[in-house]
Amino acid sequence: MSKEKQVGQSKNSQSSDWLWVTIQAEVAVLSQQEPILTSFFYDAVLSHQSLEEALSYNLAVQIDNTVLSALTIREVFIEAMVAEPAIGDSMRKDLTAYVERDPACDQYCLPLLYFKGFHALQIYRVANWLWRNGRQSLALYLQNRVSEIFAVDIHPAAQIGSGIMIDHATGMVIGETAVVGNNVSMLHSVTLGGTGAHAGDRHPKIRCGVLIAAGAKILGNIEVGEGAKIGAGSLVLEPVPAHTTVAGVPAKIVGHPSEAEPAREMDQRIDGDGI
């Protein structure tokens, strides 16, 4: 049995198959509405048997070049998804997060087809699997291609949970020892970086439910506690307690979010977060 069929059969047997059925239905309607894109919609979605199969195709055609063809890259993606079904599970939670949190995303097919933050995150998930299985060179190659194509630089050794939304994504950097928990939302130009040239554990630990607004820089081996909110353009150099709002350069506590998980609400204002 081919790896593609293994992926399709394993996912078709799961209750989450509703997502794939929904995406197929959405794209069928789009194809009728815009006939000039019929071939694109067929190749990207309608010709495939599973969401994982469609995803691997869409990612591979975007990052192929003369070094690795789209076919070779796609085989690597399928290999990873067959070996580690959690990649597909996390991907589905990421897709759902976009529809739940992004007012510009009212269909599940949109991240799959168009959103580079979603694409970069899913390629990271495969690169992370490669990294953990002793294939660091290929993992770094994929990191480099994502940085070139999408302007998103995620080190394959970083640890990133599921239900992640990276909105717009341009200019995002996530370092080697960074940890990002579940249900985190981040916008463009966010940096989870180090503070110097020293090696070891040197990048931030972002706990569940955190919202990091556009342009925020979080540097060093510090913890951003569960349910915290980081204001746009902030420079965070000190730990952030859970369920607090910080803003400024350097960032200071300016209040407390009204939501338990700001990442889900996406309210980036800080004037309503009272001390």
C-alpha atoms as a PDB file:
ATOM      1  CA  MET A   1       0.000   0.000   0.000  1.00  0.00           C
ATOM      2  CA  SER A   2       1.352   3.435  -0.912  1.00  0.00           C
ATOM      3  CA  LYS A   3       2.071   5.990   1.785  1.00  0.00           C
ATOM      4  CA  GLU A   4      -0.520   8.325   0.245  1.00  0.00           C
ATOM      5  CA  LYS A   5      -3.206   5.655   0.638  1.00  0.00           C
ATOM      6  CA  GLN A   6      -2.072   4.988   4.210  1.00  0.00           C
ATOM      7  CA  VAL A   7      -2.571   8.648   5.058  1.00  0.00           C
ATOM      8  CA  GLY A   8      -5.949   8.795   3.361  1.00  0.00           C
ATOM      9  CA  GLN A   9      -7.279   5.640   4.997  1.00  0.00           C
ATOM     10  CA  SER A  10      -5.992   6.503   8.470  1.00  0.00           C
ATOM     11  CA  LYS A  11      -7.677   9.898   8.379  1.00  0.00           C
ATOM     12  CA  ASN A  12     -10.899   8.780   6.749  1.00  0.00           C
ATOM     13  CA  SER A  13     -11.476   6.502   9.730  1.00  0.00           C
ATOM     14  CA  GLN A  14     -11.319   9.373  12.229  1.00  0.00           C
ATOM     15  CA  SER A  15     -14.132  11.568  13.454  1.00  0.00           C
ATOM     16  CA  SER A  16     -12.192  14.667  12.343  1.00  0.00           C
ATOM     17  CA  ASP A  17     -12.939  13.723   8.719  1.00  0.00           C
ATOM     18  CA  TRP A  18     -15.721  16.329   8.824  1.00  0.00           C
ATOM     19  CA  LEU A  19     -13.037  18.955   8.265  1.00  0.00           C
ATOM     20  CA  TRP A  20     -11.862  17.401   5.016  1.00  0.00           C
ATOM     21  CA  VAL A  21     -15.438  16.960   3.787  1.00  0.00           C
ATOM     22  CA  THR A  22     -16.143  20.605   4.611  1.00  0.00           C
ATOM     23  CA  ILE A  23     -13.052  21.802   2.752  1.00  0.00           C
ATOM     24  CA  GLN A  24     -13.961  19.772  -0.328  1.00  0.00           C
ATOM     25  CA  ALA A  25     -17.453  21.263  -0.340  1.00  0.00           C
ATOM     26  CA  GLU A  26     -16.122  24.792   0.085  1.00  0.00           C
ATOM     27  CA  VAL A  27     -13.654  24.412  -2.767  1.00  0.00           C
ATOM     28  CA  ALA A  28     -16.277  22.865  -5.066  1.00  0.00           C
ATOM     29  CA  VAL A  29     -18.367  26.010  -4.641  1.00  0.00           C
ATOM     30  CA  LEU A  30     -15.351  28.272  -5.208  1.00  0.00           C
ATOM     31  CA  SER A  31     -14.546  26.385  -8.397  1.00  0.00           C
ATOM     32  CA  GLN A  32     -18.031  27.088  -9.723  1.00  0.00           C
ATOM     33  CA  GLN A  33     -17.815  30.742  -8.739  1.00  0.00           C
ATOM     34  CA  GLU A  34     -14.410  31.298 -10.368  1.00  0.00           C
ATOM     35  CA  PRO A  35     -14.035  28.930 -13.344  1.00  0.00           C
ATOM     36  CA  ILE A  36     -10.668  30.390 -14.298  1.00  0.00           C
ATOM     37  CA  LEU A  37      -9.238  28.733 -11.153  1.00  0.00           C
ATOM     38  CA  THR A  38     -10.874  25.344 -11.735  1.00  0.00           C
ATOM     39  CA  SER A  39      -7.562  23.624 -12.477  1.00  0.00           C
ATOM     40  CA  PHE A  40      -5.960  25.162  -9.401  1.00  0.00           C
ATOM     41  CA  PHE A  41      -8.797  24.027  -7.134  1.00  0.00           C
ATOM     42  CA  TYR A  42      -8.731  20.548  -8.637  1.00  0.00           C
ATOM     43  CA  ASP A  43      -4.981  20.134  -8.203  1.00  0.00           C
ATOM     44  CA  ALA A  44      -4.943  21.663  -4.714  1.00  0.00           C
ATOM     45  CA  VAL A  45      -7.954  19.929  -3.168  1.00  0.00           C
ATOM     46  CA  LEU A  46     -10.494  18.109  -5.305  1.00  0.00           C
ATOM     47  CA  SER A  47      -8.103  15.529  -6.751  1.00  0.00           C
ATOM     48  CA  HIS A  48      -6.952  14.280  -3.347  1.00  0.00           C
ATOM     49  CA  GLN A  49      -8.273  11.634  -0.975  1.00  0.00           C
ATOM     50  CA  SER A  50      -7.407  13.249   2.356  1.00  0.00           C
ATOM     51  CA  LEU A  51      -6.501  16.555   3.932  1.00  0.00           C
ATOM     52  CA  GLU A  52      -2.965  15.338   4.570  1.00  0.00           C
ATOM     53  CA  GLU A  53      -2.559  14.385   0.926  1.00  0.00           C
ATOM     54  CA  ALA A  54      -3.807  17.795  -0.209  1.00  0.00           C
ATOM     55  CA  LEU A  55      -1.607  19.606   2.283  1.00  0.00           C
ATOM     56  CA  SER A  56       1.522  17.748   1.207  1.00  0.00           C
ATOM     57  CA  TYR A  57       0.827  18.651  -2.422  1.00  0.00           C
ATOM     58  CA  ASN A  58       0.188  22.340  -1.722  1.00  0.00           C
ATOM     59  CA  LEU A  59       3.301  22.739   0.404  1.00  0.00           C
ATOM     60  CA  ALA A  60       5.566  20.833  -1.961  1.00  0.00           C
ATOM     61  CA  VAL A  61       4.671  22.845  -5.063  1.00  0.00           C
ATOM     62  CA  GLN A  62       5.439  26.075  -3.220  1.00  0.00           C
ATOM     63  CA  ILE A  63       8.935  25.222  -2.026  1.00  0.00           C
ATOM     64  CA  ASP A  64      10.332  22.989  -4.768  1.00  0.00           C
ATOM     65  CA  ASN A  65      13.395  24.075  -6.737  1.00  0.00           C
ATOM     66  CA  THR A  66      16.223  22.569  -8.759  1.00  0.00           C
ATOM     67  CA  VAL A  67      17.711  20.934  -5.655  1.00  0.00           C
ATOM     68  CA  LEU A  68      14.590  19.031  -4.536  1.00  0.00           C
ATOM     69  CA  SER A  69      11.596  18.531  -6.768  1.00  0.00           C
ATOM     70  CA  ALA A  70       8.017  18.905  -5.571  1.00  0.00           C
ATOM     71  CA  LEU A  71       7.586  15.132  -5.900  1.00  0.00           C
ATOM     72  CA  THR A  72      10.562  14.413  -3.639  1.00  0.00           C
ATOM     73  CA  ILE A  73       9.474  16.982  -1.065  1.00  0.00           C
ATOM     74  CA  ARG A  74       5.951  15.602  -1.069  1.00  0.00           C
ATOM     75  CA  GLU A  75       7.268  12.099  -0.398  1.00  0.00           C
ATOM     76  CA  VAL A  76       9.102  13.433   2.656  1.00  0.00           C
ATOM     77  CA  PHE A  77       5.938  15.114   3.945  1.00  0.00           C
ATOM     78  CA  ILE A  78       3.882  11.963   3.470  1.00  0.00           C
ATOM     79  CA  GLU A  79       6.574   9.895   5.190  1.00  0.00           C
ATOM     80  CA  ALA A  80       6.460  12.191   8.219  1.00  0.00           C
ATOM     81  CA  MET A  81       2.663  12.204   8.420  1.00  0.00           C
ATOM     82  CA  VAL A  82       2.449   8.424   8.202  1.00  0.00           C
ATOM     83  CA  ALA A  83       5.156   7.967  10.855  1.00  0.00           C
ATOM     84  CA  GLU A  84       3.687  10.571  13.206  1.00  0.00           C
ATOM     85  CA  PRO A  85      -0.110  11.041  12.923  1.00  0.00           C
ATOM     86  CA  ALA A  86       0.117  13.817  15.549  1.00  0.00           C
ATOM     87  CA  ILE A  87       1.374  16.079  12.751  1.00  0.00           C
ATOM     88  CA  GLY A  88      -1.985  15.790  11.020  1.00  0.00           C
ATOM     89  CA  ASP A  89      -3.885  16.180  14.278  1.00  0.00           C
ATOM     90  CA  SER A  90      -2.023  19.394  15.107  1.00  0.00           C
ATOM     91  CA  MET A  91      -2.517  20.677  11.573  1.00  0.00           C
ATOM     92  CA  ARG A  92      -6.281  20.240  11.879  1.00  0.00           C
ATOM     93  CA  LYS A  93      -6.346  22.137  15.156  1.00  0.00           C
ATOM     94  CA  ASP A  94      -4.311  24.913  13.516  1.00  0.00           C
ATOM     95  CA  LEU A  95      -6.805  25.114  10.657  1.00  0.00           C
ATOM     96  CA  THR A  96      -9.698  25.374  13.075  1.00  0.00           C
ATOM     97  CA  ALA A  97      -7.895  28.117  15.011  1.00  0.00           C
ATOM     98  CA  TYR A  98      -7.816  30.353  11.938  1.00  0.00           C
ATOM     99  CA  VAL A  99     -11.553  30.127  11.400  1.00  0.00           C
ATOM    100  CA  GLU A 100     -12.248  30.697  15.095  1.00  0.00           C
ATOM    101  CA  ARG A 101      -9.900  33.680  15.542  1.00  0.00           C
ATOM    102  CA  ASP A 102      -9.308  35.447  12.227  1.00  0.00           C
ATOM    103  CA  PRO A 103     -12.263  37.595  11.079  1.00  0.00           C
ATOM    104  CA  ALA A 104     -10.859  37.495   7.545  1.00  0.00           C
ATOM    105  CA  CYS A 105     -11.064  33.685   7.487  1.00  0.00           C
ATOM    106  CA  ASP A 106     -14.610  32.377   7.141  1.00  0.00           C
ATOM    107  CA  GLN A 107     -13.788  29.104   5.388  1.00  0.00           C
ATOM    108  CA  TYR A 108     -11.545  26.204   6.381  1.00  0.00           C
ATOM    109  CA  CYS A 109     -10.094  25.973   2.905  1.00  0.00           C
ATOM    110  CA  LEU A 110      -8.551  29.450   3.012  1.00  0.00           C
ATOM    111  CA  PRO A 111      -5.516  28.680   5.234  1.00  0.00           C
ATOM    112  CA  LEU A 112      -4.882  25.500   3.269  1.00  0.00           C
ATOM    113  CA  LEU A 113      -4.891  27.374  -0.025  1.00  0.00           C
ATOM    114  CA  TYR A 114      -3.536  30.813   0.758  1.00  0.00           C
ATOM    115  CA  PHE A 115      -2.196  31.570   4.256  1.00  0.00           C
ATOM    116  CA  LYS A 116       1.587  31.502   4.455  1.00  0.00           C
ATOM    117  CA  GLY A 117       1.608  31.491   8.251  1.00  0.00           C
ATOM    118  CA  PHE A 118      -0.296  28.213   8.178  1.00  0.00           C
ATOM    119  CA  HIS A 119       1.952  26.847   5.424  1.00  0.00           C
ATOM    120  CA  ALA A 120       5.153  27.772   7.259  1.00  0.00           C
ATOM    121  CA  LEU A 121       3.892  26.185  10.471  1.00  0.00           C
ATOM    122  CA  GLN A 122       3.040  22.886   8.778  1.00  0.00           C
ATOM    123  CA  ILE A 123       6.430  22.677   7.073  1.00  0.00           C
ATOM    124  CA  TYR A 124       7.990  23.345  10.485  1.00  0.00           C
ATOM    125  CA  ARG A 125       6.050  20.356  11.856  1.00  0.00           C
ATOM    126  CA  VAL A 126       7.617  18.083   9.248  1.00  0.00           C
ATOM    127  CA  ALA A 127      11.059  19.639   9.764  1.00  0.00           C
ATOM    128  CA  ASN A 128      10.732  19.082  13.509  1.00  0.00           C
ATOM    129  CA  TRP A 129       9.994  15.394  12.891  1.00  0.00           C
ATOM    130  CA  LEU A 130      13.070  15.177  10.666  1.00  0.00           C
ATOM    131  CA  TRP A 131      15.187  16.931  13.305  1.00  0.00           C
ATOM    132  CA  ARG A 132      14.087  14.520  16.035  1.00  0.00           C
ATOM    133  CA  ASN A 133      14.831  11.558  13.790  1.00  0.00           C
ATOM    134  CA  GLY A 134      18.433  12.426  13.035  1.00  0.00           C
ATOM    135  CA  ARG A 135      17.852  14.156   9.680  1.00  0.00           C
ATOM    136  CA  GLN A 136      19.026  17.614  10.682  1.00  0.00           C
ATOM    137  CA  SER A 137      20.415  18.581   7.283  1.00  0.00           C
ATOM    138  CA  LEU A 138      17.083  18.114   5.522  1.00  0.00           C
ATOM    139  CA  ALA A 139      15.280  19.828   8.400  1.00  0.00           C
ATOM    140  CA  LEU A 140      17.526  22.872   8.065  1.00  0.00           C
ATOM    141  CA  TYR A 141      17.084  22.835   4.298  1.00  0.00           C
ATOM    142  CA  LEU A 142      13.306  23.061   4.747  1.00  0.00           C
ATOM    143  CA  GLN A 143      13.754  25.846   7.304  1.00  0.00           C
ATOM    144  CA  ASN A 144      15.822  27.778   4.807  1.00  0.00           C
ATOM    145  CA  ARG A 145      13.299  27.326   1.991  1.00  0.00           C
ATOM    146  CA  VAL A 146      10.444  28.496   4.232  1.00  0.00           C
ATOM    147  CA  SER A 147      12.463  31.565   5.193  1.00  0.00           C
ATOM    148  CA  GLU A 148      13.131  32.334   1.517  1.00  0.00           C
ATOM    149  CA  ILE A 149       9.581  31.768   0.276  1.00  0.00           C
ATOM    150  CA  PHE A 150       7.413  32.906   3.192  1.00  0.00           C
ATOM    151  CA  ALA A 151       9.713  35.237   5.188  1.00  0.00           C
ATOM    152  CA  VAL A 152       9.062  33.069   8.267  1.00  0.00           C
ATOM    153  CA  ASP A 153      12.045  31.560  10.108  1.00  0.00           C
ATOM    154  CA  ILE A 154      11.198  28.755  12.551  1.00  0.00           C
ATOM    155  CA  HIS A 155      14.064  26.597  13.768  1.00  0.00           C
ATOM    156  CA  PRO A 156      13.144  22.903  13.382  1.00  0.00           C
ATOM    157  CA  ALA A 157      14.254  22.135  16.952  1.00  0.00           C
ATOM    158  CA  ALA A 158      11.729  24.543  18.485  1.00  0.00           C
ATOM    159  CA  GLN A 159       8.804  22.962  20.334  1.00  0.00           C
ATOM    160  CA  ILE A 160       5.408  24.213  19.161  1.00  0.00           C
ATOM    161  CA  GLY A 161       2.022  22.952  20.302  1.00  0.00           C
ATOM    162  CA  SER A 162      -1.263  22.760  18.408  1.00  0.00           C
ATOM    163  CA  GLY A 163      -4.099  25.190  17.804  1.00  0.00           C
ATOM    164  CA  ILE A 164      -1.565  27.822  16.704  1.00  0.00           C
ATOM    165  CA  MET A 165      -2.533  30.815  14.598  1.00  0.00           C
ATOM    166  CA  ILE A 166       0.224  32.850  12.937  1.00  0.00           C
ATOM    167  CA  ASP A 167      -1.570  35.782  11.329  1.00  0.00           C
ATOM    168  CA  HIS A 168       0.065  37.446   8.287  1.00  0.00           C
ATOM    169  CA  ALA A 169       3.369  35.933   9.496  1.00  0.00           C
ATOM    170  CA  THR A 170       5.877  38.060   7.552  1.00  0.00           C
ATOM    171  CA  GLY A 171       9.072  38.592   9.528  1.00  0.00           C
ATOM    172  CA  MET A 172       8.390  36.007  12.247  1.00  0.00           C
ATOM    173  CA  VAL A 173      11.403  34.364  13.919  1.00  0.00           C
ATOM    174  CA  ILE A 174      11.263  31.472  16.407  1.00  0.00           C
ATOM    175  CA  GLY A 175      14.580  30.288  17.825  1.00  0.00           C
ATOM    176  CA  GLU A 176      16.021  26.840  18.412  1.00  0.00           C
ATOM    177  CA  THR A 177      15.143  26.371  22.098  1.00  0.00           C
ATOM    178  CA  ALA A 178      11.847  28.256  22.055  1.00  0.00           C
ATOM    179  CA  VAL A 179       8.743  26.517  23.405  1.00  0.00           C
ATOM    180  CA  VAL A 180       5.219  27.514  22.355  1.00  0.00           C
ATOM    181  CA  GLY A 181       2.244  25.933  24.125  1.00  0.00           C
ATOM    182  CA  ASN A 182      -1.189  25.110  22.754  1.00  0.00           C
ATOM    183  CA  ASN A 183      -3.718  27.676  21.535  1.00  0.00           C
ATOM    184  CA  VAL A 184      -1.260  30.540  21.064  1.00  0.00           C
ATOM    185  CA  SER A 185      -1.853  33.364  18.570  1.00  0.00           C
ATOM    186  CA  MET A 186       0.993  35.412  17.070  1.00  0.00           C
ATOM    187  CA  LEU A 187       1.041  38.155  14.473  1.00  0.00           C
ATOM    188  CA  HIS A 188       3.621  39.312  11.959  1.00  0.00           C
ATOM    189  CA  SER A 189       7.141  40.390  12.921  1.00  0.00           C
ATOM    190  CA  VAL A 190       7.064  38.566  16.254  1.00  0.00           C
ATOM    191  CA  THR A 191      10.478  37.362  17.433  1.00  0.00           C
ATOM    192  CA  LEU A 192      11.101  34.645  20.012  1.00  0.00           C
ATOM    193  CA  GLY A 193      14.847  35.111  20.181  1.00  0.00           C
ATOM    194  CA  GLY A 194      17.955  35.038  22.301  1.00  0.00           C
ATOM    195  CA  THR A 195      19.850  37.855  23.969  1.00  0.00           C
ATOM    196  CA  GLY A 196      23.418  37.055  22.959  1.00  0.00           C
ATOM    197  CA  ALA A 197      25.875  34.575  21.511  1.00  0.00           C
ATOM    198  CA  HIS A 198      25.774  32.041  24.361  1.00  0.00           C
ATOM    199  CA  ALA A 199      24.581  28.522  23.546  1.00  0.00           C
ATOM    200  CA  GLY A 200      22.193  26.314  25.488  1.00  0.00           C
ATOM    201  CA  ASP A 201      18.602  27.006  26.497  1.00  0.00           C
ATOM    202  CA  ARG A 202      18.304  30.631  25.443  1.00  0.00           C
ATOM    203  CA  HIS A 203      14.846  31.271  23.976  1.00  0.00           C
ATOM    204  CA  PRO A 204      11.404  32.111  25.438  1.00  0.00           C
ATOM    205  CA  LYS A 205       8.842  29.677  26.780  1.00  0.00           C
ATOM    206  CA  ILE A 206       5.348  30.755  25.721  1.00  0.00           C
ATOM    207  CA  ARG A 207       2.595  29.022  27.682  1.00  0.00           C
ATOM    208  CA  CYS A 208      -0.921  28.159  26.540  1.00  0.00           C
ATOM    209  CA  GLY A 209      -3.452  30.762  25.477  1.00  0.00           C
ATOM    210  CA  VAL A 210      -0.980  33.638  25.017  1.00  0.00           C
ATOM    211  CA  LEU A 211      -1.595  36.422  22.500  1.00  0.00           C
ATOM    212  CA  ILE A 212       1.519  38.068  21.021  1.00  0.00           C
ATOM    213  CA  ALA A 213       0.643  41.149  18.988  1.00  0.00           C
ATOM    214  CA  ALA A 214       2.422  42.454  15.888  1.00  0.00           C
ATOM    215  CA  GLY A 215       6.093  43.344  16.159  1.00  0.00           C
ATOM    216  CA  ALA A 216       6.616  42.118  19.718  1.00  0.00           C
ATOM    217  CA  LYS A 217      10.124  40.903  20.553  1.00  0.00           C
ATOM    218  CA  ILE A 218      10.461  38.384  23.387  1.00  0.00           C
ATOM    219  CA  LEU A 219      14.113  37.671  24.106  1.00  0.00           C
ATOM    220  CA  GLY A 220      15.971  35.256  26.343  1.00  0.00           C
ATOM    221  CA  ASN A 221      15.133  32.139  28.314  1.00  0.00           C
ATOM    222  CA  ILE A 222      12.114  33.687  30.016  1.00  0.00           C
ATOM    223  CA  GLU A 223       8.595  32.433  30.590  1.00  0.00           C
ATOM    224  CA  VAL A 224       5.457  34.115  29.335  1.00  0.00           C
ATOM    225  CA  GLY A 225       2.776  32.708  31.600  1.00  0.00           C
ATOM    226  CA  GLU A 226      -0.479  31.111  30.591  1.00  0.00           C
ATOM    227  CA  GLY A 227      -3.125  33.477  29.256  1.00  0.00           C
ATOM    228  CA  ALA A 228      -0.836  36.510  29.036  1.00  0.00           C
ATOM    229  CA  LYS A 229      -1.086  39.276  26.425  1.00  0.00           C
ATOM    230  CA  ILE A 230       1.923  40.981  24.822  1.00  0.00           C
ATOM    231  CA  GLY A 231       1.215  44.424  23.332  1.00  0.00           C
ATOM    232  CA  ALA A 232       2.221  45.340  19.789  1.00  0.00           C
ATOM    233  CA  GLY A 233       5.819  46.495  19.383  1.00  0.00           C
ATOM    234  CA  SER A 234       6.814  45.499  22.910  1.00  0.00           C
ATOM    235  CA  LEU A 235      10.315  44.429  23.935  1.00  0.00           C
ATOM    236  CA  VAL A 236       9.985  41.700  26.564  1.00  0.00           C
ATOM    237  CA  LEU A 237      13.161  40.923  28.532  1.00  0.00           C
ATOM    238  CA  GLU A 238      11.705  39.741  31.851  1.00  0.00           C
ATOM    239  CA  PRO A 239       9.295  36.897  32.719  1.00  0.00           C
ATOM    240  CA  VAL A 240       5.605  37.683  32.269  1.00  0.00           C
ATOM    241  CA  PRO A 241       3.245  36.363  34.972  1.00  0.00           C
ATOM    242  CA  ALA A 242       0.218  34.363  33.889  1.00  0.00           C
ATOM    243  CA  HIS A 243      -2.899  36.339  32.958  1.00  0.00           C
ATOM    244  CA  THR A 244      -1.184  39.709  32.768  1.00  0.00           C
ATOM    245  CA  THR A 245      -0.861  42.252  29.967  1.00  0.00           C
ATOM    246  CA  VAL A 246       2.530  43.772  29.235  1.00  0.00           C
ATOM    247  CA  ALA A 247       3.439  46.542  26.804  1.00  0.00           C
ATOM    248  CA  GLY A 248       6.225  48.992  26.060  1.00  0.00           C
ATOM    249  CA  VAL A 249       9.981  49.136  25.545  1.00  0.00           C
ATOM    250  CA  PRO A 250      10.995  47.581  27.781  1.00  0.00           C
ATOM    251  CA  ALA A 251       7.680  45.887  28.515  1.00  0.00           C
ATOM    252  CA  LYS A 252       5.932  46.541  31.821  1.00  0.00           C
ATOM    253  CA  ILE A 253       2.766  45.121  33.329  1.00  0.00           C
ATOM    254  CA  VAL A 254      -0.117  47.383  32.293  1.00  0.00           C
ATOM    255  CA  GLY A 255      -3.090  45.269  33.282  1.00  0.00           C
ATOM    256  CA  HIS A 256      -4.808  41.914  33.160  1.00  0.00           C
ATOM    257  CA  PRO A 257      -6.716  40.462  30.178  1.00  0.00           C
ATOM    258  CA  SER A 258     -10.430  40.069  30.658  1.00  0.00           C
ATOM    259  CA  GLU A 259     -10.230  36.699  28.879  1.00  0.00           C
ATOM    260  CA  ALA A 260      -8.706  33.499  30.248  1.00  0.00           C
ATOM    261  CA  GLU A 261      -7.092  32.841  26.864  1.00  0.00           C
ATOM    262  CA  PRO A 262      -6.467  36.099  24.993  1.00  0.00           C
ATOM    263  CA  ALA A 263      -5.236  34.097  21.999  1.00  0.00           C
ATOM    264  CA  ARG A 264      -8.779  32.965  21.299  1.00  0.00           C
ATOM    265  CA  GLU A 265     -10.351  36.424  21.506  1.00  0.00           C
ATOM    266  CA  MET A 266      -7.647  38.285  19.535  1.00  0.00           C
ATOM    267  CA  ASP A 267      -8.410  41.577  21.303  1.00  0.00           C
ATOM    268  CA  GLN A 268      -5.122  43.428  20.942  1.00  0.00           C
ATOM    269  CA  ARG A 269      -6.206  46.568  22.765  1.00  0.00           C
ATOM    270  CA  ILE A 270      -4.615  47.150  26.137  1.00  0.00           C
ATOM    271  CA  ASP A 271      -6.656  50.118  27.339  1.00  0.00           C
ATOM    272  CA  GLY A 272      -9.389  47.821  28.652  1.00  0.00           C
ATOM    273  CA  ASP A 273      -7.059  45.595  30.656  1.00  0.00           C
ATOM    274  CA  GLY A 274      -7.271  47.212  34.077  1.00  0.00           C
ATOM    275  CA  ILE A 275      -4.617  46.810  36.734  1.00  0.00           C
END
